[in-house]
Amino acid sequence: MGASRVSLRAEQRDLTRNRILDGAVEVFAAKSFVTATMEDIARAAGVTRATVYAHFRGKAEVIAALTNRVYQVTDDLYAELASVPEWTRAGVRDWLEHAASGWRALAPTIRVLLAATPSAAGDDGSARDRYLAAHERYVALLTAGPRRWRGVTPAQARQRALMAVLQTGSFLTAWIAGGRPVDTDDPLEILADDLCHLLRPALGGRAAAPRDPRGPS
């Protein structure tokens, strides 16, 4: 019974924390990081200011927690791709559909983080270090199976994986979170071709030769 009560308290704490973060996204979307207050966040979350401070010492910690929320989702997405026994073009395309859904859910948070001031994200290099560490995790996940990458050196595999990660994140952020218009009906189809080109040494079967998105020459 004691363990059950502890578990229930932990669950309630997580629910309250996420409620505060959701309120923070709403506030930071309406106001700048500088002008928004912890009182604003409390009001949007429907909790007291004391409750907000029980979870976060200030707005910078809120931004850090929102950043963690994004990294947690992307960590799961790349772990999912890495867990597929054999990559194929169809599998890469299906994964991109799932990734795009994740980006849509994160879009309000990503927009807030993109608009946050440098000091909000950490002006001591911590934000850069977290970004680099996250991408190192993604590359490690995608290159963990040495048998997957055929005919290329480990260094080449790592660079191909990094370029695939960067291309995916940059495009989905610009398109979904940033509202960048695209001229095609199915932008994920072209992105799948690009990723398959980068991941070609690790693709299985006939999918190792993705079609050229520019069409026949």
N, C-alpha and C. Protein backbone atom coordinates (compact mmCIF):
# COMPACT_ATOMS: atom_id res chain seq x y z
N MET A 1 0.84 -1.21 0.00
CA MET A 1 0.00 0.00 0.00
C MET A 1 0.87 1.24 0.00
N GLY A 2 1.99 1.21 0.80
CA GLY A 2 2.87 2.36 0.84
C GLY A 2 3.44 2.68 -0.52
N ALA A 3 3.91 1.63 -1.24
CA ALA A 3 4.48 1.82 -2.57
C ALA A 3 3.44 2.37 -3.53
N SER A 4 2.20 1.93 -3.36
CA SER A 4 1.12 2.42 -4.22
C SER A 4 0.89 3.91 -4.01
N ARG A 5 0.94 4.36 -2.74
CA ARG A 5 0.75 5.78 -2.46
C ARG A 5 1.89 6.61 -3.04
N VAL A 6 3.12 6.08 -2.93
CA VAL A 6 4.27 6.79 -3.49
C VAL A 6 4.12 6.90 -5.00
N SER A 7 3.70 5.81 -5.64
CA SER A 7 3.50 5.81 -7.09
C SER A 7 2.43 6.80 -7.49
N LEU A 8 1.36 6.87 -6.72
CA LEU A 8 0.28 7.78 -7.02
C LEU A 8 0.74 9.23 -6.89
N ARG A 9 1.54 9.51 -5.85
CA ARG A 9 2.06 10.87 -5.67
C ARG A 9 2.99 11.26 -6.82
N ALA A 10 3.82 10.30 -7.25
CA ALA A 10 4.73 10.58 -8.36
C ALA A 10 3.95 10.84 -9.65
N GLU A 11 2.89 10.07 -9.85
CA GLU A 11 2.06 10.27 -11.04
C GLU A 11 1.38 11.62 -11.00
N GLN A 12 0.87 12.00 -9.82
CA GLN A 12 0.22 13.30 -9.69
C GLN A 12 1.21 14.43 -9.91
N ARG A 13 2.43 14.24 -9.42
CA ARG A 13 3.46 15.26 -9.61
C ARG A 13 3.79 15.43 -11.10
N ASP A 14 3.89 14.32 -11.80
CA ASP A 14 4.18 14.39 -13.24
C ASP A 14 3.04 15.06 -13.99
N LEU A 15 1.80 14.75 -13.61
CA LEU A 15 0.65 15.37 -14.26
C LEU A 15 0.65 16.88 -14.05
N THR A 16 0.95 17.30 -12.80
CA THR A 16 1.00 18.73 -12.50
C THR A 16 2.12 19.40 -13.26
N ARG A 17 3.27 18.76 -13.32
CA ARG A 17 4.42 19.32 -14.04
C ARG A 17 4.09 19.50 -15.52
N ASN A 18 3.47 18.49 -16.12
CA ASN A 18 3.11 18.60 -17.54
C ASN A 18 2.04 19.66 -17.76
N ARG A 19 1.14 19.79 -16.80
CA ARG A 19 0.11 20.84 -16.88
C ARG A 19 0.76 22.22 -16.86
N ILE A 20 1.77 22.39 -16.04
CA ILE A 20 2.49 23.66 -15.97
C ILE A 20 3.22 23.93 -17.29
N LEU A 21 3.85 22.90 -17.83
CA LEU A 21 4.57 23.07 -19.09
C LEU A 21 3.61 23.41 -20.23
N ASP A 22 2.45 22.76 -20.25
CA ASP A 22 1.45 23.10 -21.27
C ASP A 22 1.01 24.56 -21.12
N GLY A 23 0.82 24.99 -19.87
CA GLY A 23 0.46 26.39 -19.64
C GLY A 23 1.57 27.33 -20.08
N ALA A 24 2.81 26.93 -19.85
CA ALA A 24 3.95 27.76 -20.25
C ALA A 24 4.00 27.92 -21.77
N VAL A 25 3.74 26.85 -22.51
CA VAL A 25 3.72 26.94 -23.97
C VAL A 25 2.67 27.96 -24.41
N GLU A 26 1.50 27.90 -23.79
CA GLU A 26 0.43 28.85 -24.11
C GLU A 26 0.86 30.29 -23.82
N VAL A 27 1.51 30.49 -22.68
CA VAL A 27 1.93 31.85 -22.29
C VAL A 27 3.04 32.36 -23.19
N PHE A 28 4.07 31.53 -23.42
CA PHE A 28 5.21 31.98 -24.22
C PHE A 28 4.81 32.19 -25.68
N ALA A 29 3.75 31.52 -26.12
CA ALA A 29 3.26 31.74 -27.49
C ALA A 29 2.56 33.08 -27.62
N ALA A 30 1.99 33.56 -26.51
CA ALA A 30 1.26 34.82 -26.53
C ALA A 30 2.13 36.00 -26.13
N LYS A 31 3.14 35.76 -25.30
CA LYS A 31 4.01 36.82 -24.82
C LYS A 31 5.46 36.44 -25.08
N SER A 32 6.34 37.40 -25.01
CA SER A 32 7.76 37.09 -25.13
C SER A 32 8.26 36.46 -23.84
N PHE A 33 9.40 35.80 -23.92
CA PHE A 33 9.99 35.20 -22.73
C PHE A 33 10.26 36.27 -21.67
N VAL A 34 10.67 37.44 -22.12
CA VAL A 34 11.03 38.51 -21.18
C VAL A 34 9.81 39.02 -20.43
N THR A 35 8.69 39.22 -21.13
CA THR A 35 7.53 39.84 -20.50
C THR A 35 6.65 38.83 -19.76
N ALA A 36 6.72 37.55 -20.12
CA ALA A 36 5.91 36.55 -19.43
C ALA A 36 6.39 36.39 -17.99
N THR A 37 5.47 36.06 -17.11
CA THR A 37 5.81 35.88 -15.70
C THR A 37 5.40 34.49 -15.24
N MET A 38 5.95 34.09 -14.11
CA MET A 38 5.56 32.82 -13.52
C MET A 38 4.09 32.85 -13.10
N GLU A 39 3.61 34.02 -12.73
CA GLU A 39 2.19 34.17 -12.40
C GLU A 39 1.33 33.89 -13.63
N ASP A 40 1.77 34.37 -14.81
CA ASP A 40 1.06 34.07 -16.05
C ASP A 40 0.99 32.57 -16.29
N ILE A 41 2.10 31.90 -16.07
CA ILE A 41 2.15 30.45 -16.28
C ILE A 41 1.22 29.74 -15.31
N ALA A 42 1.24 30.17 -14.05
CA ALA A 42 0.36 29.56 -13.05
C ALA A 42 -1.11 29.71 -13.45
N ARG A 43 -1.45 30.91 -13.91
CA ARG A 43 -2.83 31.18 -14.29
C ARG A 43 -3.24 30.30 -15.47
N ALA A 44 -2.36 30.19 -16.47
CA ALA A 44 -2.68 29.38 -17.64
C ALA A 44 -2.79 27.89 -17.29
N ALA A 45 -1.99 27.46 -16.32
CA ALA A 45 -2.02 26.05 -15.92
C ALA A 45 -3.12 25.73 -14.92
N GLY A 46 -3.73 26.78 -14.36
CA GLY A 46 -4.78 26.57 -13.38
C GLY A 46 -4.26 26.10 -12.04
N VAL A 47 -3.05 26.56 -11.68
CA VAL A 47 -2.45 26.20 -10.38
C VAL A 47 -1.98 27.49 -9.71
N THR A 48 -1.53 27.37 -8.49
CA THR A 48 -1.01 28.53 -7.78
C THR A 48 0.44 28.80 -8.20
N ARG A 49 0.87 30.02 -7.95
CA ARG A 49 2.26 30.37 -8.25
C ARG A 49 3.22 29.53 -7.40
N ALA A 50 2.81 29.24 -6.17
CA ALA A 50 3.64 28.41 -5.30
C ALA A 50 3.83 27.01 -5.90
N THR A 51 2.79 26.50 -6.54
CA THR A 51 2.90 25.19 -7.17
C THR A 51 3.89 25.24 -8.32
N VAL A 52 3.84 26.30 -9.11
CA VAL A 52 4.80 26.45 -10.22
C VAL A 52 6.22 26.46 -9.68
N TYR A 53 6.45 27.24 -8.61
CA TYR A 53 7.79 27.34 -8.04
C TYR A 53 8.23 26.05 -7.35
N ALA A 54 7.28 25.22 -6.99
CA ALA A 54 7.63 23.92 -6.41
C ALA A 54 8.26 23.00 -7.45
N HIS A 55 7.97 23.29 -8.72
CA HIS A 55 8.50 22.47 -9.82
C HIS A 55 9.65 23.16 -10.55
N PHE A 56 9.60 24.48 -10.66
CA PHE A 56 10.59 25.22 -11.44
C PHE A 56 11.01 26.48 -10.68
N ARG A 57 12.32 26.73 -10.63
CA ARG A 57 12.81 27.91 -9.92
C ARG A 57 12.62 29.19 -10.72
N GLY A 58 12.42 29.07 -12.02
CA GLY A 58 12.23 30.26 -12.84
C GLY A 58 11.94 29.89 -14.28
N LYS A 59 11.80 30.91 -15.12
CA LYS A 59 11.43 30.68 -16.51
C LYS A 59 12.49 29.90 -17.27
N ALA A 60 13.77 30.11 -16.94
CA ALA A 60 14.83 29.38 -17.63
C ALA A 60 14.69 27.88 -17.41
N GLU A 61 14.30 27.47 -16.22
CA GLU A 61 14.10 26.05 -15.95
C GLU A 61 12.89 25.52 -16.72
N VAL A 62 11.89 26.36 -16.90
CA VAL A 62 10.73 25.95 -17.69
C VAL A 62 11.15 25.70 -19.13
N ILE A 63 11.95 26.61 -19.69
CA ILE A 63 12.43 26.44 -21.06
C ILE A 63 13.27 25.17 -21.17
N ALA A 64 14.11 24.92 -20.17
CA ALA A 64 14.93 23.70 -20.18
C ALA A 64 14.06 22.46 -20.18
N ALA A 65 12.99 22.49 -19.41
CA ALA A 65 12.08 21.34 -19.35
C ALA A 65 11.35 21.16 -20.67
N LEU A 66 10.98 22.25 -21.32
CA LEU A 66 10.33 22.16 -22.64
C LEU A 66 11.30 21.59 -23.67
N THR A 67 12.56 21.97 -23.56
CA THR A 67 13.58 21.41 -24.45
C THR A 67 13.72 19.91 -24.23
N ASN A 68 13.71 19.50 -22.96
CA ASN A 68 13.77 18.07 -22.66
C ASN A 68 12.58 17.33 -23.25
N ARG A 69 11.43 17.97 -23.25
CA ARG A 69 10.23 17.33 -23.80
C ARG A 69 10.44 17.03 -25.29
N VAL A 70 11.05 17.96 -26.01
CA VAL A 70 11.32 17.75 -27.43
C VAL A 70 12.34 16.62 -27.61
N TYR A 71 13.40 16.65 -26.82
CA TYR A 71 14.43 15.63 -26.95
C TYR A 71 13.89 14.24 -26.60
N GLN A 72 12.99 14.16 -25.64
CA GLN A 72 12.43 12.86 -25.28
C GLN A 72 11.66 12.25 -26.44
N VAL A 73 10.90 13.08 -27.14
CA VAL A 73 10.14 12.58 -28.29
C VAL A 73 11.08 12.16 -29.41
N THR A 74 12.08 12.99 -29.72
CA THR A 74 12.99 12.65 -30.80
C THR A 74 13.87 11.45 -30.45
N ASP A 75 14.25 11.33 -29.18
CA ASP A 75 14.97 10.13 -28.74
C ASP A 75 14.15 8.88 -29.06
N ASP A 76 12.88 8.92 -28.72
CA ASP A 76 12.01 7.77 -28.96
C ASP A 76 11.87 7.48 -30.45
N LEU A 77 11.77 8.53 -31.25
CA LEU A 77 11.61 8.34 -32.69
C LEU A 77 12.82 7.66 -33.31
N TYR A 78 14.02 8.12 -32.95
CA TYR A 78 15.22 7.51 -33.54
C TYR A 78 15.47 6.12 -32.97
N ALA A 79 15.09 5.89 -31.72
CA ALA A 79 15.18 4.54 -31.16
C ALA A 79 14.24 3.60 -31.91
N GLU A 80 13.09 4.11 -32.29
CA GLU A 80 12.14 3.31 -33.05
C GLU A 80 12.72 2.94 -34.42
N LEU A 81 13.32 3.92 -35.11
CA LEU A 81 13.92 3.62 -36.41
C LEU A 81 15.07 2.63 -36.25
N ALA A 82 15.88 2.82 -35.23
CA ALA A 82 17.03 1.93 -35.02
C ALA A 82 16.60 0.50 -34.71
N SER A 83 15.41 0.34 -34.13
CA SER A 83 14.96 -1.00 -33.73
C SER A 83 14.41 -1.81 -34.89
N VAL A 84 14.17 -1.19 -36.04
CA VAL A 84 13.66 -1.93 -37.20
C VAL A 84 14.74 -2.90 -37.68
N PRO A 85 14.45 -4.18 -37.79
CA PRO A 85 15.50 -5.16 -38.14
C PRO A 85 16.16 -4.87 -39.48
N GLU A 86 15.36 -4.51 -40.48
CA GLU A 86 15.92 -4.21 -41.80
C GLU A 86 15.25 -2.95 -42.35
N TRP A 87 16.06 -1.96 -42.70
CA TRP A 87 15.52 -0.74 -43.28
C TRP A 87 15.20 -0.96 -44.75
N THR A 88 14.04 -0.50 -45.14
CA THR A 88 13.63 -0.47 -46.55
C THR A 88 13.07 0.90 -46.84
N ARG A 89 12.89 1.19 -48.11
CA ARG A 89 12.33 2.49 -48.43
C ARG A 89 10.92 2.64 -47.86
N ALA A 90 10.12 1.59 -47.96
CA ALA A 90 8.76 1.64 -47.42
C ALA A 90 8.81 1.86 -45.91
N GLY A 91 9.75 1.20 -45.24
CA GLY A 91 9.86 1.37 -43.80
C GLY A 91 10.30 2.77 -43.42
N VAL A 92 11.24 3.33 -44.19
CA VAL A 92 11.68 4.70 -43.94
C VAL A 92 10.53 5.66 -44.13
N ARG A 93 9.73 5.45 -45.17
CA ARG A 93 8.59 6.33 -45.42
C ARG A 93 7.57 6.23 -44.29
N ASP A 94 7.29 5.01 -43.83
CA ASP A 94 6.36 4.85 -42.72
C ASP A 94 6.88 5.55 -41.46
N TRP A 95 8.18 5.43 -41.22
CA TRP A 95 8.77 6.09 -40.06
C TRP A 95 8.65 7.60 -40.17
N LEU A 96 8.84 8.14 -41.36
CA LEU A 96 8.70 9.59 -41.55
C LEU A 96 7.28 10.06 -41.25
N GLU A 97 6.29 9.25 -41.59
CA GLU A 97 4.90 9.61 -41.25
C GLU A 97 4.75 9.72 -39.74
N HIS A 98 5.34 8.77 -39.02
CA HIS A 98 5.27 8.80 -37.56
C HIS A 98 6.04 10.00 -37.02
N ALA A 99 7.23 10.26 -37.59
CA ALA A 99 8.02 11.40 -37.15
C ALA A 99 7.28 12.71 -37.38
N ALA A 100 6.62 12.83 -38.52
CA ALA A 100 5.86 14.04 -38.81
C ALA A 100 4.73 14.24 -37.81
N SER A 101 4.09 13.14 -37.40
CA SER A 101 3.04 13.23 -36.37
C SER A 101 3.63 13.73 -35.06
N GLY A 102 4.82 13.23 -34.72
CA GLY A 102 5.48 13.71 -33.51
C GLY A 102 5.81 15.18 -33.57
N TRP A 103 6.27 15.64 -34.74
CA TRP A 103 6.60 17.06 -34.90
C TRP A 103 5.33 17.92 -34.82
N ARG A 104 4.22 17.41 -35.34
CA ARG A 104 2.98 18.19 -35.25
C ARG A 104 2.56 18.36 -33.80
N ALA A 105 2.70 17.31 -33.01
CA ALA A 105 2.36 17.41 -31.59
C ALA A 105 3.29 18.37 -30.86
N LEU A 106 4.55 18.43 -31.30
CA LEU A 106 5.54 19.28 -30.65
C LEU A 106 5.58 20.69 -31.22
N ALA A 107 4.89 20.94 -32.32
CA ALA A 107 5.03 22.21 -33.04
C ALA A 107 4.89 23.44 -32.14
N PRO A 108 3.86 23.53 -31.28
CA PRO A 108 3.75 24.72 -30.43
C PRO A 108 4.96 24.89 -29.52
N THR A 109 5.46 23.78 -28.98
CA THR A 109 6.65 23.85 -28.11
C THR A 109 7.87 24.27 -28.89
N ILE A 110 8.05 23.71 -30.08
CA ILE A 110 9.21 24.06 -30.90
C ILE A 110 9.18 25.53 -31.27
N ARG A 111 8.00 26.05 -31.61
CA ARG A 111 7.89 27.48 -31.95
C ARG A 111 8.29 28.35 -30.76
N VAL A 112 7.87 27.95 -29.57
CA VAL A 112 8.24 28.69 -28.36
C VAL A 112 9.76 28.67 -28.17
N LEU A 113 10.37 27.51 -28.35
CA LEU A 113 11.81 27.40 -28.15
C LEU A 113 12.59 28.18 -29.21
N LEU A 114 12.09 28.20 -30.42
CA LEU A 114 12.76 28.96 -31.48
C LEU A 114 12.70 30.46 -31.20
N ALA A 115 11.62 30.90 -30.53
CA ALA A 115 11.45 32.32 -30.26
C ALA A 115 12.09 32.74 -28.94
N ALA A 116 12.50 31.78 -28.11
CA ALA A 116 13.07 32.11 -26.80
C ALA A 116 14.40 32.85 -26.97
N THR A 117 14.70 33.72 -26.02
CA THR A 117 15.94 34.47 -26.07
C THR A 117 17.12 33.54 -25.81
N PRO A 118 18.33 33.90 -26.27
CA PRO A 118 19.49 33.06 -25.98
C PRO A 118 19.69 32.80 -24.49
N SER A 119 19.43 33.80 -23.66
CA SER A 119 19.60 33.61 -22.22
C SER A 119 18.59 32.61 -21.67
N ALA A 120 17.43 32.52 -22.32
CA ALA A 120 16.42 31.56 -21.86
C ALA A 120 16.90 30.14 -22.09
N ALA A 121 17.55 29.93 -23.23
CA ALA A 121 18.02 28.59 -23.56
C ALA A 121 19.33 28.24 -22.87
N GLY A 122 19.97 29.26 -22.25
CA GLY A 122 21.24 29.02 -21.58
C GLY A 122 22.37 29.67 -22.35
N ASP A 123 22.99 30.69 -21.78
CA ASP A 123 24.03 31.43 -22.49
C ASP A 123 25.42 30.96 -22.11
N ASP A 124 25.52 29.82 -21.43
CA ASP A 124 26.82 29.29 -21.02
C ASP A 124 27.27 28.12 -21.89
N GLY A 125 26.63 27.97 -23.04
CA GLY A 125 26.97 26.87 -23.93
C GLY A 125 26.21 25.60 -23.64
N SER A 126 25.36 25.60 -22.61
CA SER A 126 24.65 24.37 -22.24
C SER A 126 23.66 23.95 -23.32
N ALA A 127 23.00 24.91 -23.95
CA ALA A 127 22.04 24.57 -25.00
C ALA A 127 22.76 23.92 -26.18
N ARG A 128 23.92 24.49 -26.55
CA ARG A 128 24.70 23.91 -27.65
C ARG A 128 25.17 22.50 -27.28
N ASP A 129 25.63 22.33 -26.05
CA ASP A 129 26.11 21.03 -25.61
C ASP A 129 24.99 19.99 -25.63
N ARG A 130 23.79 20.40 -25.22
CA ARG A 130 22.65 19.47 -25.23
C ARG A 130 22.27 19.09 -26.66
N TYR A 131 22.34 20.06 -27.56
CA TYR A 131 22.04 19.82 -28.97
C TYR A 131 23.03 18.81 -29.54
N LEU A 132 24.31 19.03 -29.29
CA LEU A 132 25.33 18.14 -29.82
C LEU A 132 25.21 16.74 -29.20
N ALA A 133 24.94 16.70 -27.89
CA ALA A 133 24.80 15.40 -27.23
C ALA A 133 23.61 14.63 -27.77
N ALA A 134 22.51 15.33 -28.04
CA ALA A 134 21.33 14.67 -28.58
C ALA A 134 21.62 14.06 -29.95
N HIS A 135 22.29 14.83 -30.80
CA HIS A 135 22.59 14.31 -32.13
C HIS A 135 23.59 13.18 -32.07
N GLU A 136 24.49 13.21 -31.09
CA GLU A 136 25.40 12.09 -30.91
C GLU A 136 24.62 10.83 -30.54
N ARG A 137 23.59 10.99 -29.71
CA ARG A 137 22.75 9.84 -29.35
C ARG A 137 22.06 9.27 -30.59
N TYR A 138 21.50 10.14 -31.42
CA TYR A 138 20.77 9.68 -32.60
C TYR A 138 21.70 8.93 -33.56
N VAL A 139 22.89 9.49 -33.77
CA VAL A 139 23.85 8.85 -34.66
C VAL A 139 24.26 7.49 -34.09
N ALA A 140 24.49 7.43 -32.78
CA ALA A 140 24.88 6.17 -32.15
C ALA A 140 23.78 5.12 -32.31
N LEU A 141 22.53 5.54 -32.18
CA LEU A 141 21.42 4.61 -32.36
C LEU A 141 21.39 4.05 -33.78
N LEU A 142 21.56 4.93 -34.77
CA LEU A 142 21.42 4.51 -36.16
C LEU A 142 22.61 3.73 -36.67
N THR A 143 23.74 3.81 -35.99
CA THR A 143 24.93 3.08 -36.44
C THR A 143 25.33 1.97 -35.47
N ALA A 144 24.45 1.63 -34.54
CA ALA A 144 24.79 0.64 -33.51
C ALA A 144 24.97 -0.76 -34.09
N GLY A 145 24.26 -1.09 -35.17
CA GLY A 145 24.37 -2.42 -35.76
C GLY A 145 25.40 -2.43 -36.87
N PRO A 146 26.62 -2.90 -36.63
CA PRO A 146 27.66 -2.85 -37.67
C PRO A 146 27.31 -3.66 -38.91
N ARG A 147 26.49 -4.71 -38.74
CA ARG A 147 26.11 -5.52 -39.90
C ARG A 147 25.14 -4.78 -40.82
N ARG A 148 24.50 -3.74 -40.29
CA ARG A 148 23.53 -3.01 -41.11
C ARG A 148 24.22 -2.20 -42.20
N TRP A 149 25.39 -1.64 -41.88
CA TRP A 149 26.10 -0.76 -42.80
C TRP A 149 27.13 -1.57 -43.58
N ARG A 150 26.87 -1.75 -44.86
CA ARG A 150 27.72 -2.57 -45.70
C ARG A 150 28.53 -1.72 -46.66
N GLY A 151 29.82 -2.02 -46.76
CA GLY A 151 30.65 -1.39 -47.77
C GLY A 151 31.08 0.02 -47.45
N VAL A 152 30.87 0.49 -46.23
CA VAL A 152 31.34 1.82 -45.84
C VAL A 152 32.06 1.72 -44.51
N THR A 153 32.95 2.66 -44.27
CA THR A 153 33.68 2.67 -43.00
C THR A 153 32.77 3.18 -41.89
N PRO A 154 33.10 2.90 -40.64
CA PRO A 154 32.30 3.44 -39.53
C PRO A 154 32.19 4.96 -39.59
N ALA A 155 33.26 5.65 -39.99
CA ALA A 155 33.20 7.11 -40.08
C ALA A 155 32.20 7.55 -41.14
N GLN A 156 32.19 6.86 -42.29
CA GLN A 156 31.22 7.19 -43.34
C GLN A 156 29.80 6.90 -42.89
N ALA A 157 29.62 5.80 -42.17
CA ALA A 157 28.28 5.47 -41.67
C ALA A 157 27.79 6.55 -40.71
N ARG A 158 28.68 7.01 -39.84
CA ARG A 158 28.30 8.04 -38.89
C ARG A 158 27.93 9.34 -39.60
N GLN A 159 28.69 9.72 -40.61
CA GLN A 159 28.38 10.95 -41.31
C GLN A 159 27.06 10.84 -42.06
N ARG A 160 26.82 9.70 -42.69
CA ARG A 160 25.55 9.50 -43.39
C ARG A 160 24.38 9.57 -42.39
N ALA A 161 24.55 8.94 -41.23
CA ALA A 161 23.49 8.96 -40.22
C ALA A 161 23.26 10.38 -39.71
N LEU A 162 24.34 11.11 -39.47
CA LEU A 162 24.21 12.49 -38.99
C LEU A 162 23.49 13.36 -40.01
N MET A 163 23.87 13.23 -41.28
CA MET A 163 23.23 14.04 -42.32
C MET A 163 21.75 13.69 -42.45
N ALA A 164 21.41 12.41 -42.26
CA ALA A 164 19.99 12.02 -42.30
C ALA A 164 19.22 12.63 -41.15
N VAL A 165 19.83 12.63 -39.96
CA VAL A 165 19.19 13.22 -38.78
C VAL A 165 19.01 14.73 -38.98
N LEU A 166 20.05 15.41 -39.44
CA LEU A 166 19.97 16.85 -39.63
C LEU A 166 18.95 17.22 -40.69
N GLN A 167 18.93 16.46 -41.78
CA GLN A 167 17.98 16.76 -42.84
C GLN A 167 16.54 16.56 -42.38
N THR A 168 16.30 15.47 -41.64
CA THR A 168 14.96 15.20 -41.14
C THR A 168 14.50 16.30 -40.19
N GLY A 169 15.33 16.61 -39.20
CA GLY A 169 14.94 17.60 -38.20
C GLY A 169 14.76 18.98 -38.79
N SER A 170 15.67 19.38 -39.67
CA SER A 170 15.58 20.72 -40.26
C SER A 170 14.34 20.87 -41.12
N PHE A 171 14.06 19.85 -41.93
CA PHE A 171 12.90 19.96 -42.82
C PHE A 171 11.60 19.95 -42.04
N LEU A 172 11.45 18.98 -41.12
CA LEU A 172 10.19 18.89 -40.37
C LEU A 172 9.97 20.14 -39.52
N THR A 173 11.04 20.69 -38.97
CA THR A 173 10.90 21.91 -38.17
C THR A 173 10.48 23.08 -39.03
N ALA A 174 11.13 23.25 -40.19
CA ALA A 174 10.79 24.37 -41.07
C ALA A 174 9.38 24.23 -41.62
N TRP A 175 9.00 23.02 -42.01
CA TRP A 175 7.71 22.78 -42.64
C TRP A 175 6.56 22.77 -41.63
N ILE A 176 6.68 21.98 -40.58
CA ILE A 176 5.57 21.78 -39.66
C ILE A 176 5.53 22.84 -38.57
N ALA A 177 6.67 23.06 -37.90
CA ALA A 177 6.68 24.04 -36.81
C ALA A 177 6.80 25.46 -37.32
N GLY A 178 7.59 25.65 -38.39
CA GLY A 178 7.81 26.99 -38.90
C GLY A 178 6.80 27.45 -39.93
N GLY A 179 5.98 26.52 -40.42
CA GLY A 179 4.96 26.90 -41.41
C GLY A 179 5.53 27.22 -42.78
N ARG A 180 6.72 26.70 -43.08
CA ARG A 180 7.33 26.93 -44.39
C ARG A 180 6.52 26.24 -45.46
N PRO A 181 6.01 27.00 -46.46
CA PRO A 181 5.20 26.35 -47.50
C PRO A 181 6.05 25.45 -48.39
N VAL A 182 5.45 24.38 -48.86
CA VAL A 182 6.12 23.48 -49.79
C VAL A 182 5.30 23.44 -51.08
N ASP A 183 5.97 23.11 -52.17
CA ASP A 183 5.32 23.17 -53.48
C ASP A 183 4.82 21.82 -53.96
N THR A 184 5.01 20.77 -53.18
CA THR A 184 4.59 19.45 -53.60
C THR A 184 3.45 18.96 -52.71
N ASP A 185 2.66 18.04 -53.29
CA ASP A 185 1.54 17.50 -52.54
C ASP A 185 1.99 16.55 -51.43
N ASP A 186 3.13 15.93 -51.61
CA ASP A 186 3.60 14.93 -50.66
C ASP A 186 5.08 15.15 -50.36
N PRO A 187 5.41 16.13 -49.53
CA PRO A 187 6.83 16.43 -49.27
C PRO A 187 7.58 15.28 -48.61
N LEU A 188 6.87 14.42 -47.88
CA LEU A 188 7.55 13.30 -47.23
C LEU A 188 8.06 12.28 -48.25
N GLU A 189 7.43 12.24 -49.41
CA GLU A 189 7.89 11.31 -50.45
C GLU A 189 9.30 11.69 -50.90
N ILE A 190 9.53 12.98 -51.10
CA ILE A 190 10.86 13.43 -51.52
C ILE A 190 11.85 13.29 -50.38
N LEU A 191 11.42 13.60 -49.16
CA LEU A 191 12.31 13.44 -48.02
C LEU A 191 12.71 11.98 -47.86
N ALA A 192 11.78 11.06 -48.08
CA ALA A 192 12.10 9.64 -48.01
C ALA A 192 13.17 9.27 -49.02
N ASP A 193 13.08 9.81 -50.25
CA ASP A 193 14.09 9.55 -51.26
C ASP A 193 15.46 10.06 -50.80
N ASP A 194 15.47 11.26 -50.23
CA ASP A 194 16.73 11.84 -49.77
C ASP A 194 17.34 11.00 -48.65
N LEU A 195 16.52 10.57 -47.70
CA LEU A 195 17.03 9.77 -46.59
C LEU A 195 17.53 8.41 -47.08
N CYS A 196 16.81 7.82 -48.04
CA CYS A 196 17.24 6.53 -48.56
C CYS A 196 18.57 6.65 -49.30
N HIS A 197 18.80 7.79 -49.93
CA HIS A 197 20.09 8.01 -50.58
C HIS A 197 21.20 8.04 -49.53
N LEU A 198 20.96 8.74 -48.43
CA LEU A 198 21.97 8.82 -47.37
C LEU A 198 22.16 7.47 -46.67
N LEU A 199 21.09 6.75 -46.48
CA LEU A 199 21.13 5.48 -45.75
C LEU A 199 21.34 4.27 -46.67
N ARG A 200 21.60 4.51 -47.94
CA ARG A 200 21.63 3.45 -48.94
C ARG A 200 22.50 2.25 -48.55
N PRO A 201 23.71 2.45 -47.99
CA PRO A 201 24.51 1.27 -47.64
C PRO A 201 23.86 0.39 -46.58
N ALA A 202 22.90 0.94 -45.84
CA ALA A 202 22.26 0.18 -44.76
C ALA A 202 20.88 -0.33 -45.13
N LEU A 203 20.42 0.00 -46.33
CA LEU A 203 19.08 -0.43 -46.73
C LEU A 203 19.12 -1.87 -47.23
N GLY A 204 18.02 -2.58 -47.04
CA GLY A 204 17.95 -3.97 -47.46
C GLY A 204 17.30 -4.13 -48.81
N GLY A 205 17.67 -5.19 -49.52
CA GLY A 205 17.02 -5.56 -50.78
C GLY A 205 17.13 -4.52 -51.86
N ARG A 206 16.13 -4.51 -52.71
CA ARG A 206 16.12 -3.58 -53.84
C ARG A 206 15.93 -2.15 -53.41
N ALA A 207 15.51 -1.95 -52.14
CA ALA A 207 15.30 -0.58 -51.65
C ALA A 207 16.62 0.17 -51.54
N ALA A 208 17.74 -0.50 -51.74
CA ALA A 208 19.03 0.17 -51.62
C ALA A 208 19.26 1.16 -52.73
N ALA A 209 18.40 1.17 -53.74
CA ALA A 209 18.57 2.12 -54.84
C ALA A 209 17.32 2.95 -54.98
N PRO A 210 17.11 3.97 -54.15
CA PRO A 210 15.90 4.79 -54.22
C PRO A 210 15.84 5.56 -55.52
N ARG A 211 14.66 5.85 -55.95
CA ARG A 211 14.52 6.58 -57.20
C ARG A 211 15.00 8.01 -57.03
N ASP A 212 15.47 8.58 -58.13
CA ASP A 212 15.96 9.95 -58.12
C ASP A 212 14.77 10.90 -58.09
N PRO A 213 14.61 11.75 -57.06
CA PRO A 213 13.44 12.64 -56.98
C PRO A 213 13.39 13.65 -58.11
N ARG A 214 14.51 13.79 -58.85
CA ARG A 214 14.51 14.74 -59.97
C ARG A 214 13.91 14.13 -61.22
N GLY A 215 13.63 12.81 -61.15
CA GLY A 215 13.04 12.17 -62.30
C GLY A 215 14.10 11.62 -63.23
N PRO A 216 13.67 10.96 -64.33
CA PRO A 216 14.64 10.40 -65.28
C PRO A 216 15.43 11.48 -65.96
N SER A 217 16.72 11.19 -66.22
CA SER A 217 17.56 12.17 -66.91
C SER A 217 17.42 12.02 -68.40
